C-alpha atoms as a PDB file:
ATOM      1  CA  MET A   1       0.000   0.000   0.000  1.00  0.00           C
ATOM      2  CA  ARG A   2       1.238   3.459  -0.851  1.00  0.00           C
ATOM      3  CA  SER A   3       1.973   5.941   1.921  1.00  0.00           C
ATOM      4  CA  THR A   4      -0.763   8.215   3.259  1.00  0.00           C
ATOM      5  CA  LEU A   5       1.006  11.202   1.716  1.00  0.00           C
ATOM      6  CA  ASP A   6       1.148   9.519  -1.704  1.00  0.00           C
ATOM      7  CA  LEU A   7      -2.547   8.687  -1.484  1.00  0.00           C
ATOM      8  CA  PHE A   8      -3.382  12.256  -0.512  1.00  0.00           C
ATOM      9  CA  ILE A   9      -1.345  13.721  -3.360  1.00  0.00           C
ATOM     10  CA  GLN A  10      -2.814  11.312  -5.923  1.00  0.00           C
ATOM     11  CA  GLY A  11      -6.368  11.919  -4.712  1.00  0.00           C
ATOM     12  CA  SER A  12      -5.868  15.683  -4.822  1.00  0.00           C
ATOM     13  CA  GLN A  13      -4.466  15.510  -8.335  1.00  0.00           C
ATOM     14  CA  ASN A  14      -7.395  13.384  -9.487  1.00  0.00           C
ATOM     15  CA  LEU A  15      -9.927  15.831  -8.023  1.00  0.00           C
ATOM     16  CA  ILE A  16      -8.112  18.788  -9.588  1.00  0.00           C
ATOM     17  CA  ALA A  17      -8.215  17.038 -12.979  1.00  0.00           C
ATOM     18  CA  GLU A  18     -11.961  16.391 -12.594  1.00  0.00           C
ATOM     19  CA  LYS A  19     -12.561  20.052 -11.790  1.00  0.00           C
ATOM     20  CA  GLN A  20     -10.514  21.155 -14.795  1.00  0.00           C
ATOM     21  CA  GLU A  21     -12.629  18.964 -17.068  1.00  0.00           C
ATOM     22  CA  LEU A  22     -15.802  20.471 -15.607  1.00  0.00           C
ATOM     23  CA  GLU A  23     -14.448  23.979 -16.193  1.00  0.00           C
ATOM     24  CA  LYS A  24     -14.083  23.207 -19.901  1.00  0.00           C
ATOM     25  CA  THR A  25     -17.862  22.838 -20.156  1.00  0.00           C
ATOM     26  CA  LYS A  26     -18.323  26.398 -18.892  1.00  0.00           C
ATOM     27  CA  VAL A  27     -16.117  28.189 -21.418  1.00  0.00           C
ATOM     28  CA  GLY A  28     -17.989  31.094 -23.003  1.00  0.00           C
ATOM     29  CA  THR A  29     -20.168  31.667 -19.939  1.00  0.00           C
ATOM     30  CA  LEU A  30     -19.746  34.595 -17.561  1.00  0.00           C
ATOM     31  CA  ARG A  31     -19.915  33.723 -13.854  1.00  0.00           C
ATOM     32  CA  ALA A  32     -21.517  35.446 -10.894  1.00  0.00           C
ATOM     33  CA  GLY A  33     -18.523  34.303  -8.838  1.00  0.00           C
ATOM     34  CA  ASN A  34     -16.497  36.909 -10.761  1.00  0.00           C
ATOM     35  CA  THR A  35     -18.862  39.789 -10.044  1.00  0.00           C
ATOM     36  CA  GLY A  36     -17.611  43.334 -10.484  1.00  0.00           C
ATOM     37  CA  VAL A  37     -19.023  46.798 -11.010  1.00  0.00           C
ATOM     38  CA  LEU A  38     -18.452  49.415 -13.705  1.00  0.00           C
ATOM     39  CA  THR A  39     -19.245  52.800 -12.158  1.00  0.00           C
ATOM     40  CA  PRO A  40     -20.884  55.704 -14.028  1.00  0.00           C
ATOM     41  CA  THR A  41     -17.471  57.415 -14.095  1.00  0.00           C
ATOM     42  CA  GLY A  42     -15.878  54.423 -15.823  1.00  0.00           C
ATOM     43  CA  LYS A  43     -14.094  52.860 -12.856  1.00  0.00           C
ATOM     44  CA  VAL A  44     -13.938  49.080 -12.513  1.00  0.00           C
ATOM     45  CA  ALA A  45     -14.208  47.625  -9.006  1.00  0.00           C
ATOM     46  CA  GLY A  46     -14.486  44.101  -7.683  1.00  0.00           C
ATOM     47  CA  THR A  47     -13.018  41.172  -9.587  1.00  0.00           C
ATOM     48  CA  CYS A  48     -10.481  42.327 -12.163  1.00  0.00           C
ATOM     49  CA  HIS A  49     -12.351  42.235 -15.481  1.00  0.00           C
ATOM     50  CA  ARG A  50      -9.199  41.087 -17.263  1.00  0.00           C
ATOM     51  CA  LYS A  51      -9.073  37.969 -15.081  1.00  0.00           C
ATOM     52  CA  THR A  52     -12.814  37.485 -15.635  1.00  0.00           C
ATOM     53  CA  PHE A  53     -12.204  37.656 -19.392  1.00  0.00           C
ATOM     54  CA  LEU A  54      -9.509  34.967 -19.175  1.00  0.00           C
ATOM     55  CA  ARG A  55     -11.842  32.651 -17.256  1.00  0.00           C
ATOM     56  CA  TYR A  56     -14.588  33.390 -19.787  1.00  0.00           C
ATOM     57  CA  LYS A  57     -12.195  32.215 -22.532  1.00  0.00           C
ATOM     58  CA  GLY A  58     -11.230  29.087 -20.594  1.00  0.00           C
ATOM     59  CA  ILE A  59      -7.733  30.288 -19.650  1.00  0.00           C
ATOM     60  CA  GLU A  60      -6.662  29.420 -16.116  1.00  0.00           C
ATOM     61  CA  LEU A  61      -4.385  32.194 -14.897  1.00  0.00           C
ATOM     62  CA  GLU A  62      -3.496  30.426 -11.671  1.00  0.00           C
ATOM     63  CA  PRO A  63      -4.108  26.686 -12.179  1.00  0.00           C
ATOM     64  CA  GLU A  64      -5.132  24.956  -9.003  1.00  0.00           C
ATOM     65  CA  ASP A  65      -2.415  23.032  -7.199  1.00  0.00           C
ATOM     66  CA  ILE A  66      -2.551  21.084  -3.956  1.00  0.00           C
ATOM     67  CA  SER A  67      -1.812  24.175  -1.865  1.00  0.00           C
ATOM     68  CA  ARG A  68      -4.654  26.151  -3.428  1.00  0.00           C
ATOM     69  CA  LYS A  69      -6.911  23.110  -3.206  1.00  0.00           C
ATOM     70  CA  LEU A  70      -6.352  22.961   0.551  1.00  0.00           C
ATOM     71  CA  MET A  71      -7.567  26.546   0.777  1.00  0.00           C
ATOM     72  CA  PHE A  72     -10.644  25.943  -1.385  1.00  0.00           C
ATOM     73  CA  ASP A  73     -11.430  22.733   0.497  1.00  0.00           C
ATOM     74  CA  ALA A  74     -11.459  24.691   3.749  1.00  0.00           C
ATOM     75  CA  GLY A  75     -14.105  27.006   2.295  1.00  0.00           C
ATOM     76  CA  ASN A  76     -16.155  24.061   1.040  1.00  0.00           C
ATOM     77  CA  GLY A  77     -15.844  22.376   4.411  1.00  0.00           C
ATOM     78  CA  ASN A  78     -17.105  25.524   6.111  1.00  0.00           C
ATOM     79  CA  GLU A  79     -20.213  25.403   3.909  1.00  0.00           C
ATOM     80  CA  ASP A  80     -20.832  21.756   4.811  1.00  0.00           C
ATOM     81  CA  LEU A  81     -20.530  22.555   8.521  1.00  0.00           C
ATOM     82  CA  TRP A  82     -23.052  25.389   8.182  1.00  0.00           C
ATOM     83  CA  VAL A  83     -25.501  23.103   6.398  1.00  0.00           C
ATOM     84  CA  ASN A  84     -25.189  20.490   9.135  1.00  0.00           C
ATOM     85  CA  VAL A  85     -25.907  23.071  11.824  1.00  0.00           C
ATOM     86  CA  LEU A  86     -28.858  24.613   9.977  1.00  0.00           C
ATOM     87  CA  GLU A  87     -30.357  21.197   9.353  1.00  0.00           C
ATOM     88  CA  ALA A  88     -29.956  20.383  13.048  1.00  0.00           C
ATOM     89  CA  ALA A  89     -32.245  23.326  13.872  1.00  0.00           C
ATOM     90  CA  LYS A  90     -35.076  21.165  12.503  1.00  0.00           C
ATOM     91  CA  GLU A  91     -37.178  24.193  11.580  1.00  0.00           C
ATOM     92  CA  PRO A  92     -40.477  22.779  10.264  1.00  0.00           C
ATOM     93  CA  GLY A  93     -41.420  23.666   6.706  1.00  0.00           C
ATOM     94  CA  ILE A  94     -38.032  25.137   5.765  1.00  0.00           C
ATOM     95  CA  VAL A  95     -36.370  23.762   2.634  1.00  0.00           C
ATOM     96  CA  MET A  96     -32.690  24.301   1.893  1.00  0.00           C
ATOM     97  CA  LYS A  97     -31.246  24.442  -1.621  1.00  0.00           C
ATOM     98  CA  ARG A  98     -27.500  24.403  -2.343  1.00  0.00           C
ATOM     99  CA  GLU A  99     -25.545  25.618  -5.366  1.00  0.00           C
ATOM    100  CA  GLU A 100     -26.583  23.591  -8.452  1.00  0.00           C
ATOM    101  CA  GLU A 101     -29.962  22.826  -6.839  1.00  0.00           C
ATOM    102  CA  LEU A 102     -30.912  26.476  -7.368  1.00  0.00           C
ATOM    103  CA  GLY A 103     -28.512  28.049  -9.819  1.00  0.00           C
ATOM    104  CA  LEU A 104     -29.315  31.251 -11.649  1.00  0.00           C
ATOM    105  CA  GLU A 105     -29.098  32.230 -15.298  1.00  0.00           C
ATOM    106  CA  TRP A 106     -29.686  35.543 -16.991  1.00  0.00           C
ATOM    107  CA  SER A 107     -28.616  37.179 -20.219  1.00  0.00           C
ATOM    108  CA  LEU A 108     -27.082  40.483 -21.218  1.00  0.00           C
ATOM    109  CA  PRO A 109     -28.921  42.515 -23.896  1.00  0.00           C
ATOM    110  CA  SER A 110     -26.668  40.793 -26.445  1.00  0.00           C
ATOM    111  CA  GLY A 111     -27.874  37.363 -25.326  1.00  0.00           C
ATOM    112  CA  GLN A 112     -24.604  36.493 -23.544  1.00  0.00           C
ATOM    113  CA  LEU A 113     -25.309  34.123 -20.651  1.00  0.00           C
ATOM    114  CA  VAL A 114     -24.349  34.835 -17.032  1.00  0.00           C
ATOM    115  CA  THR A 115     -24.657  32.005 -14.502  1.00  0.00           C
ATOM    116  CA  GLY A 116     -24.206  31.628 -10.771  1.00  0.00           C
ATOM    117  CA  ARG A 117     -24.487  29.217  -7.834  1.00  0.00           C
ATOM    118  CA  PRO A 118     -25.414  30.710  -4.448  1.00  0.00           C
ATOM    119  CA  ASP A 119     -24.185  28.775  -1.425  1.00  0.00           C
ATOM    120  CA  ILE A 120     -27.570  28.335   0.260  1.00  0.00           C
ATOM    121  CA  VAL A 121     -31.119  29.492  -0.399  1.00  0.00           C
ATOM    122  CA  LEU A 122     -33.801  28.883   2.233  1.00  0.00           C
ATOM    123  CA  GLY A 123     -37.466  28.738   1.316  1.00  0.00           C
ATOM    124  CA  THR A 124     -40.703  26.796   1.502  1.00  0.00           C
ATOM    125  CA  MET A 125     -42.719  24.554  -0.793  1.00  0.00           C
ATOM    126  CA  ARG A 126     -46.148  25.632  -1.988  1.00  0.00           C
ATOM    127  CA  ASP A 127     -48.855  23.803  -3.858  1.00  0.00           C
ATOM    128  CA  LEU A 128     -48.990  24.361  -7.584  1.00  0.00           C
ATOM    129  CA  PRO A 129     -52.090  22.628  -8.977  1.00  0.00           C
ATOM    130  CA  GLN A 130     -51.593  21.785 -12.616  1.00  0.00           C
ATOM    131  CA  LEU A 131     -53.663  19.576 -14.922  1.00  0.00           C
ATOM    132  CA  GLY A 132     -55.514  18.193 -11.937  1.00  0.00           C
ATOM    133  CA  LEU A 133     -52.296  16.828 -10.357  1.00  0.00           C
ATOM    134  CA  GLU A 134     -50.960  18.069  -7.027  1.00  0.00           C
ATOM    135  CA  GLN A 135     -47.517  19.540  -7.516  1.00  0.00           C
ATOM    136  CA  LYS A 136     -45.286  21.770  -5.435  1.00  0.00           C
ATOM    137  CA  GLU A 137     -42.745  24.434  -6.250  1.00  0.00           C
ATOM    138  CA  PHE A 138     -39.890  25.876  -4.238  1.00  0.00           C
ATOM    139  CA  VAL A 139     -40.374  29.482  -3.105  1.00  0.00           C
ATOM    140  CA  PRO A 140     -37.075  31.135  -2.121  1.00  0.00           C
ATOM    141  CA  GLU A 141     -37.205  33.471   0.876  1.00  0.00           C
ATOM    142  CA  ARG A 142     -33.621  34.087   1.997  1.00  0.00           C
ATOM    143  CA  GLY A 143     -30.187  33.541   0.517  1.00  0.00           C
ATOM    144  CA  ILE A 144     -26.985  32.900   2.434  1.00  0.00           C
ATOM    145  CA  GLU A 145     -23.399  33.365   1.266  1.00  0.00           C
ATOM    146  CA  LEU A 146     -20.757  31.772   3.493  1.00  0.00           C
ATOM    147  CA  LYS A 147     -17.179  32.972   3.900  1.00  0.00           C
ATOM    148  CA  LEU A 148     -14.387  31.403   5.926  1.00  0.00           C
ATOM    149  CA  VAL A 149     -12.156  33.912   7.716  1.00  0.00           C
ATOM    150  CA  SER A 150      -8.528  32.908   7.259  1.00  0.00           C
ATOM    151  CA  SER A 151      -6.601  36.032   8.263  1.00  0.00           C
ATOM    152  CA  LEU A 152      -6.359  38.300  11.297  1.00  0.00           C
ATOM    153  CA  TRP A 153      -6.992  41.398   9.195  1.00  0.00           C
ATOM    154  CA  THR A 154     -10.200  40.033   7.707  1.00  0.00           C
ATOM    155  CA  ALA A 155     -11.282  39.081  11.235  1.00  0.00           C
ATOM    156  CA  ARG A 156     -10.644  42.652  12.371  1.00  0.00           C
ATOM    157  CA  ASP A 157     -12.623  44.163   9.500  1.00  0.00           C
ATOM    158  CA  VAL A 158     -15.709  41.962   9.574  1.00  0.00           C
ATOM    159  CA  LEU A 159     -15.964  41.483  13.345  1.00  0.00           C
ATOM    160  CA  LEU A 160     -14.811  44.780  14.852  1.00  0.00           C
ATOM    161  CA  LYS A 161     -15.044  47.384  12.093  1.00  0.00           C
ATOM    162  CA  GLY A 162     -18.410  46.245  10.764  1.00  0.00           C
ATOM    163  CA  LYS A 163     -16.921  46.150   7.290  1.00  0.00           C
ATOM    164  CA  PRO A 164     -17.627  43.201   4.959  1.00  0.00           C
ATOM    165  CA  LYS A 165     -15.427  42.742   1.901  1.00  0.00           C
ATOM    166  CA  THR A 166     -16.715  44.733  -1.065  1.00  0.00           C
ATOM    167  CA  ILE A 167     -16.279  41.811  -3.441  1.00  0.00           C
ATOM    168  CA  HIS A 168     -18.457  39.655  -1.177  1.00  0.00           C
ATOM    169  CA  LEU A 169     -21.170  42.318  -1.164  1.00  0.00           C
ATOM    170  CA  MET A 170     -21.082  42.357  -4.961  1.00  0.00           C
ATOM    171  CA  GLN A 171     -21.361  38.599  -5.275  1.00  0.00           C
ATOM    172  CA  ALA A 172     -24.176  38.220  -2.726  1.00  0.00           C
ATOM    173  CA  GLY A 173     -25.894  41.293  -4.167  1.00  0.00           C
ATOM    174  CA  HIS A 174     -25.760  39.725  -7.623  1.00  0.00           C
ATOM    175  CA  TYR A 175     -27.511  36.604  -6.326  1.00  0.00           C
ATOM    176  CA  SER A 176     -30.043  38.647  -4.377  1.00  0.00           C
ATOM    177  CA  TRP A 177     -30.893  40.721  -7.448  1.00  0.00           C
ATOM    178  CA  LYS A 178     -31.422  37.796  -9.783  1.00  0.00           C
ATOM    179  CA  ILE A 179     -33.146  35.420  -7.359  1.00  0.00           C
ATOM    180  CA  GLY A 180     -35.285  38.223  -5.963  1.00  0.00           C
ATOM    181  CA  VAL A 181     -34.825  37.665  -2.210  1.00  0.00           C
ATOM    182  CA  PRO A 182     -32.779  39.324   0.555  1.00  0.00           C
ATOM    183  CA  PHE A 183     -29.388  37.752   1.190  1.00  0.00           C
ATOM    184  CA  GLU A 184     -27.083  37.451   4.157  1.00  0.00           C
ATOM    185  CA  ILE A 185     -23.299  37.085   4.222  1.00  0.00           C
ATOM    186  CA  TRP A 186     -22.046  35.050   7.165  1.00  0.00           C
ATOM    187  CA  TYR A 187     -18.376  35.067   8.108  1.00  0.00           C
ATOM    188  CA  ALA A 188     -17.059  32.237  10.271  1.00  0.00           C
ATOM    189  CA  SER A 189     -13.636  32.077  11.860  1.00  0.00           C
ATOM    190  CA  ARG A 190     -12.739  28.622  13.111  1.00  0.00           C
ATOM    191  CA  ALA A 191      -9.313  29.465  14.542  1.00  0.00           C
ATOM    192  CA  THR A 192      -7.799  31.665  17.255  1.00  0.00           C
ATOM    193  CA  PHE A 193      -5.782  34.602  15.906  1.00  0.00           C
ATOM    194  CA  ALA A 194      -3.153  35.804  18.379  1.00  0.00           C
ATOM    195  CA  ILE A 195      -2.122  39.449  18.072  1.00  0.00           C
ATOM    196  CA  THR A 196       1.636  39.761  18.508  1.00  0.00           C
ATOM    197  CA  ASP A 197       3.483  42.873  19.648  1.00  0.00           C
ATOM    198  CA  TYR A 198       4.286  43.566  15.994  1.00  0.00           C
ATOM    199  CA  SER A 199       0.617  43.411  15.028  1.00  0.00           C
ATOM    200  CA  GLN A 200      -0.666  45.600  17.875  1.00  0.00           C
ATOM    201  CA  ASP A 201       0.195  48.968  16.308  1.00  0.00           C
ATOM    202  CA  ARG A 202      -1.179  47.979  12.915  1.00  0.00           C
ATOM    203  CA  PHE A 203      -4.295  46.468  14.455  1.00  0.00           C
ATOM    204  CA  PHE A 204      -5.048  49.561  16.530  1.00  0.00           C
ATOM    205  CA  ALA A 205      -3.966  52.171  13.959  1.00  0.00           C
ATOM    206  CA  LYS A 206      -6.207  55.243  14.122  1.00  0.00           C
ATOM    207  CA  LYS A 207      -7.290  54.742  10.516  1.00  0.00           C
ATOM    208  CA  ASN A 208      -8.815  51.447  11.659  1.00  0.00           C
ATOM    209  CA  PHE A 209     -10.261  52.709  14.936  1.00  0.00           C
ATOM    210  CA  PRO A 210     -10.402  56.547  15.020  1.00  0.00           C
ATOM    211  CA  LYS A 211     -11.001  56.415  18.754  1.00  0.00           C
ATOM    212  CA  GLN A 212      -8.322  54.794  20.875  1.00  0.00           C
ATOM    213  CA  GLY A 213      -8.817  51.063  21.118  1.00  0.00           C
ATOM    214  CA  ALA A 214     -11.217  48.702  19.420  1.00  0.00           C
ATOM    215  CA  PRO A 215     -14.851  48.102  20.353  1.00  0.00           C
ATOM    216  CA  LEU A 216     -15.463  45.355  22.866  1.00  0.00           C
ATOM    217  CA  SER A 217     -16.450  41.975  21.537  1.00  0.00           C
ATOM    218  CA  GLU A 218     -17.382  38.753  23.256  1.00  0.00           C
ATOM    219  CA  TYR A 219     -15.140  37.008  20.733  1.00  0.00           C
ATOM    220  CA  CYS A 220     -11.923  38.765  21.840  1.00  0.00           C
ATOM    221  CA  LYS A 221      -9.569  38.530  24.786  1.00  0.00           C
ATOM    222  CA  TYR A 222      -8.136  41.809  26.129  1.00  0.00           C
ATOM    223  CA  ASN A 223      -5.305  42.898  28.410  1.00  0.00           C
ATOM    224  CA  GLU A 224      -5.491  45.537  31.135  1.00  0.00           C
ATOM    225  CA  LYS A 225      -4.738  48.296  28.593  1.00  0.00           C
ATOM    226  CA  GLY A 226      -7.757  47.358  26.509  1.00  0.00           C
ATOM    227  CA  GLN A 227      -5.624  45.900  23.763  1.00  0.00           C
ATOM    228  CA  ILE A 228      -6.822  42.751  22.074  1.00  0.00           C
ATOM    229  CA  LEU A 229      -4.631  39.760  22.817  1.00  0.00           C
ATOM    230  CA  SER A 230      -6.474  37.378  20.518  1.00  0.00           C
ATOM    231  CA  VAL A 231      -9.549  37.019  18.350  1.00  0.00           C
ATOM    232  CA  GLU A 232     -11.353  33.818  19.234  1.00  0.00           C
ATOM    233  CA  PRO A 233     -13.474  31.725  16.812  1.00  0.00           C
ATOM    234  CA  PHE A 234     -16.606  33.657  15.835  1.00  0.00           C
ATOM    235  CA  ILE A 235     -19.465  34.145  13.411  1.00  0.00           C
ATOM    236  CA  VAL A 236     -20.794  37.507  12.242  1.00  0.00           C
ATOM    237  CA  GLY A 237     -23.427  38.240   9.622  1.00  0.00           C
ATOM    238  CA  TYR A 238     -24.449  41.051   7.281  1.00  0.00           C
ATOM    239  CA  ALA A 239     -27.885  41.522   5.751  1.00  0.00           C
ATOM    240  CA  ILE A 240     -28.083  43.004   2.257  1.00  0.00           C
ATOM    241  CA  GLU A 241     -30.932  44.252   0.116  1.00  0.00           C
ATOM    242  CA  TRP A 242     -31.593  46.463  -2.889  1.00  0.00           C
ATOM    243  CA  ASN A 243     -33.353  49.800  -2.469  1.00  0.00           C
ATOM    244  CA  GLY A 244     -35.829  51.227  -4.959  1.00  0.00           C
ATOM    245  CA  LYS A 245     -32.997  52.860  -6.937  1.00  0.00           C
ATOM    246  CA  GLY A 246     -31.200  49.572  -7.579  1.00  0.00           C
ATOM    247  CA  GLN A 247     -28.502  50.424  -5.016  1.00  0.00           C
ATOM    248  CA  LEU A 248     -27.121  47.853  -2.585  1.00  0.00           C
ATOM    249  CA  VAL A 249     -27.624  48.538   1.123  1.00  0.00           C
ATOM    250  CA  TYR A 250     -26.266  46.472   4.015  1.00  0.00           C
ATOM    251  CA  ASN A 251     -26.189  46.353   7.796  1.00  0.00           C
ATOM    252  CA  GLN A 252     -24.416  44.174  10.312  1.00  0.00           C
ATOM    253  CA  ILE A 253     -26.974  41.800  11.753  1.00  0.00           C
ATOM    254  CA  GLY A 254     -27.863  43.092  15.207  1.00  0.00           C
ATOM    255  CA  SER A 255     -27.160  46.713  14.232  1.00  0.00           C
ATOM    256  CA  ASP A 256     -29.580  49.289  12.829  1.00  0.00           C
ATOM    257  CA  LYS A 257     -26.821  51.180  11.013  1.00  0.00           C
ATOM    258  CA  ARG A 258     -27.471  50.868   7.276  1.00  0.00           C
ATOM    259  CA  VAL A 259     -24.708  51.534   4.777  1.00  0.00           C
ATOM    260  CA  HIS A 260     -25.525  52.607   1.223  1.00  0.00           C
ATOM    261  CA  THR A 261     -22.871  51.308  -1.167  1.00  0.00           C
ATOM    262  CA  PHE A 262     -21.715  52.388  -4.621  1.00  0.00           C
ATOM    263  CA  ILE A 263     -22.796  48.961  -5.921  1.00  0.00           C
ATOM    264  CA  THR A 264     -25.749  49.103  -8.316  1.00  0.00           C
ATOM    265  CA  GLN A 265     -27.600  46.638 -10.501  1.00  0.00           C
ATOM    266  CA  GLN A 266     -26.805  48.805 -13.512  1.00  0.00           C
ATOM    267  CA  GLY A 267     -23.102  48.739 -12.564  1.00  0.00           C
ATOM    268  CA  ILE A 268     -23.034  44.940 -12.356  1.00  0.00           C
ATOM    269  CA  GLU A 269     -24.644  44.548 -15.764  1.00  0.00           C
ATOM    270  CA  ALA A 270     -22.296  47.156 -17.238  1.00  0.00           C
ATOM    271  CA  TYR A 271     -19.318  45.237 -15.841  1.00  0.00           C
ATOM    272  CA  TYR A 272     -20.294  42.043 -17.649  1.00  0.00           C
ATOM    273  CA  SER A 273     -21.027  43.967 -20.836  1.00  0.00           C
ATOM    274  CA  LEU A 274     -17.521  45.434 -20.612  1.00  0.00           C
ATOM    275  CA  VAL A 275     -16.000  41.941 -20.336  1.00  0.00           C
ATOM    276  CA  GLU A 276     -18.057  40.741 -23.298  1.00  0.00           C
ATOM    277  CA  ARG A 277     -16.946  43.704 -25.465  1.00  0.00           C
ATOM    278  CA  MET A 278     -13.245  43.439 -24.703  1.00  0.00           C
ATOM    279  CA  GLU A 279     -12.418  41.061 -27.557  1.00  0.00           C
ATOM    280  CA  LYS A 280     -14.638  42.808 -30.095  1.00  0.00           C
ATOM    281  CA  ASP A 281     -13.203  46.239 -29.235  1.00  0.00           C
ATOM    282  CA  ASP A 282      -9.641  44.892 -28.828  1.00  0.00           C
ATOM    283  CA  THR A 283      -9.302  46.775 -25.561  1.00  0.00           C
ATOM    284  CA  LEU A 284      -8.425  45.893 -21.980  1.00  0.00           C
ATOM    285  CA  GLY A 285     -10.461  48.690 -20.458  1.00  0.00           C
ATOM    286  CA  PRO A 286      -9.287  50.624 -17.368  1.00  0.00           C
ATOM    287  CA  ARG A 287      -7.289  49.026 -14.602  1.00  0.00           C
ATOM    288  CA  PRO A 288      -9.419  47.764 -11.700  1.00  0.00           C
ATOM    289  CA  GLU A 289      -9.499  49.763  -8.484  1.00  0.00           C
ATOM    290  CA  ASN A 290      -9.654  48.482  -4.930  1.00  0.00           C
ATOM    291  CA  MET A 291     -12.609  50.285  -3.355  1.00  0.00           C
ATOM    292  CA  ASP A 292     -14.445  50.139  -0.057  1.00  0.00           C
ATOM    293  CA  ALA A 293     -18.199  49.721  -0.166  1.00  0.00           C
ATOM    294  CA  ASP A 294     -18.648  53.490   0.181  1.00  0.00           C
ATOM    295  CA  GLY A 295     -16.624  54.047  -2.982  1.00  0.00           C
ATOM    296  CA  GLU A 296     -13.451  55.284  -1.271  1.00  0.00           C
ATOM    297  CA  PRO A 297     -10.037  53.793  -2.127  1.00  0.00           C
ATOM    298  CA  ALA A 298      -9.202  50.691  -0.091  1.00  0.00           C
ATOM    299  CA  GLY A 299      -6.004  49.183   1.287  1.00  0.00           C
ATOM    300  CA  TYR A 300      -3.755  47.941  -1.495  1.00  0.00           C
ATOM    301  CA  ASP A 301      -3.295  48.250  -5.257  1.00  0.00           C
ATOM    302  CA  LEU A 302      -4.935  45.311  -7.046  1.00  0.00           C
ATOM    303  CA  CYS A 303      -2.310  45.578  -9.793  1.00  0.00           C
ATOM    304  CA  ASP A 304       0.646  45.317  -7.441  1.00  0.00           C
ATOM    305  CA  SER A 305       2.948  42.494  -8.557  1.00  0.00           C
ATOM    306  CA  ARG A 306       2.741  41.009  -5.051  1.00  0.00           C
ATOM    307  CA  TYR A 307      -0.940  40.301  -5.580  1.00  0.00           C
ATOM    308  CA  CYS A 308      -1.418  39.897  -9.315  1.00  0.00           C
ATOM    309  CA  PRO A 309       0.519  37.564 -11.660  1.00  0.00           C
ATOM    310  CA  LEU A 310      -0.559  39.752 -14.597  1.00  0.00           C
ATOM    311  CA  ALA A 311       1.185  42.865 -13.265  1.00  0.00           C
ATOM    312  CA  SER A 312       4.242  42.907 -15.543  1.00  0.00           C
ATOM    313  CA  THR A 313       2.241  41.738 -18.576  1.00  0.00           C
ATOM    314  CA  CYS A 314      -0.212  44.603 -18.157  1.00  0.00           C
ATOM    315  CA  ASP A 315       2.598  47.088 -17.518  1.00  0.00           C
ATOM    316  CA  ASN A 316       4.377  46.144 -20.738  1.00  0.00           C
ATOM    317  CA  HIS A 317       1.556  45.261 -23.139  1.00  0.00           C
ATOM    318  CA  GLU A 318      -1.794  46.774 -22.167  1.00  0.00           C
ATOM    319  CA  LYS A 319      -1.407  49.708 -24.567  1.00  0.00           C
ATOM    320  CA  ASN A 320      -1.011  47.381 -27.553  1.00  0.00           C
ATOM    321  CA  GLY A 321      -4.559  46.042 -27.492  1.00  0.00           C
ATOM    322  CA  LEU A 322      -6.193  42.947 -26.086  1.00  0.00           C
ATOM    323  CA  ALA A 323      -5.021  40.541 -28.793  1.00  0.00           C
ATOM    324  CA  ASN A 324      -1.362  41.384 -28.184  1.00  0.00           C
ATOM    325  CA  TRP A 325      -1.821  41.264 -24.402  1.00  0.00           C
ATOM    326  CA  LEU A 326      -3.584  37.895 -24.604  1.00  0.00           C
ATOM    327  CA  GLY A 327      -0.740  36.462 -26.660  1.00  0.00           C
ATOM    328  CA  GLU A 328       1.747  37.577 -24.009  1.00  0.00           C
ATOM    329  CA  VAL A 329      -0.373  36.082 -21.234  1.00  0.00           C
ATOM    330  CA  LYS A 330      -0.377  32.715 -23.038  1.00  0.00           C
ATOM    331  CA  LYS A 331       3.417  32.886 -23.435  1.00  0.00           C
ATOM    332  CA  VAL A 332       3.844  33.464 -19.705  1.00  0.00           C
ATOM    333  CA  LEU A 333       1.498  30.614 -18.830  1.00  0.00           C
ATOM    334  CA  THR A 334       3.248  28.251 -21.259  1.00  0.00           C
ATOM    335  CA  PHE A 335       6.630  29.150 -19.781  1.00  0.00           C
ATOM    336  CA  GLU A 336       5.409  28.658 -16.205  1.00  0.00           C
ATOM    337  CA  ALA A 337       3.841  25.298 -17.091  1.00  0.00           C
ATOM    338  CA  ALA A 338       7.105  24.122 -18.646  1.00  0.00           C
ATOM    339  CA  ALA A 339       9.105  25.342 -15.651  1.00  0.00           C
ATOM    340  CA  SER A 340       6.734  23.529 -13.310  1.00  0.00           C
ATOM    341  CA  LYS A 341       7.281  20.227 -15.142  1.00  0.00           C
ATOM    342  CA  VAL A 342      11.073  20.652 -14.896  1.00  0.00           C
ATOM    343  CA  THR A 343      10.980  21.284 -11.131  1.00  0.00           C
ATOM    344  CA  LYS A 344       8.778  18.227 -10.621  1.00  0.00           C
END
């Protein structure tokens, strides 16, 4: 019998190969998982539309390896744990649908298809008499998007600052818009994050907490100075809905403070139309911007080479049109694939 490690590696590789084959069937379809917004002033926020274009064309910019699979598996495992807990509530009459059980499809004015798979949609069954036969249909009432917290800084933002990630608001808002029900985003941290001496100043920086110190939380441990020693495992949720102007509004569950975002239904549709036009217009469009939900600039530059493998390609080739840029991207990916085989 092979070693446990060999079995794990082989199983992971097999699952990655299966996923890659499934992805091939989705080429030419735009995905709600890549939601972004094109603002009225022409700014792109959310998922980089250039990366969305590559996925639309079936080009994997960062092919999944075992390390990345471990990360994705953790997110999938978090969803399974949530489902188990919600089912254990044994709420009578409530029906739960997951991902493919209640996917969504809609089309741009051109006819281009956009699809999506929300994590969970809760609803009820109602009678639908038809042709004298008793039938039932699912009536959605609430959607739930689940996110696993895997960093101290995300824990700080979503738990203590009352600040969900903008890209998560866009994705959940997209589902809410097209399914036609309110959604909630639930963050779960399943680890203890210790705050070292090095992290203290950054954690308590005035830009993060204008008043000295962070708000108290039952999920944190503090020292005598009011500094947080650690963030314990927690869950925190945000409710989102669309107002009458097609603008996304959210509030932390348990708080009455409502935040009006720059995210609009029109902006989401315009984003996908931009991606669809890129090849026809031979243009890459503007560079994406990292924006908070209120429209202000956020932490880091999305095009920084530390965060984006396309950084140098865009720097050197974006002015030459999409076709030239795409050719350079393929060269880089071919080179990296060859280098990977040599190192293995």
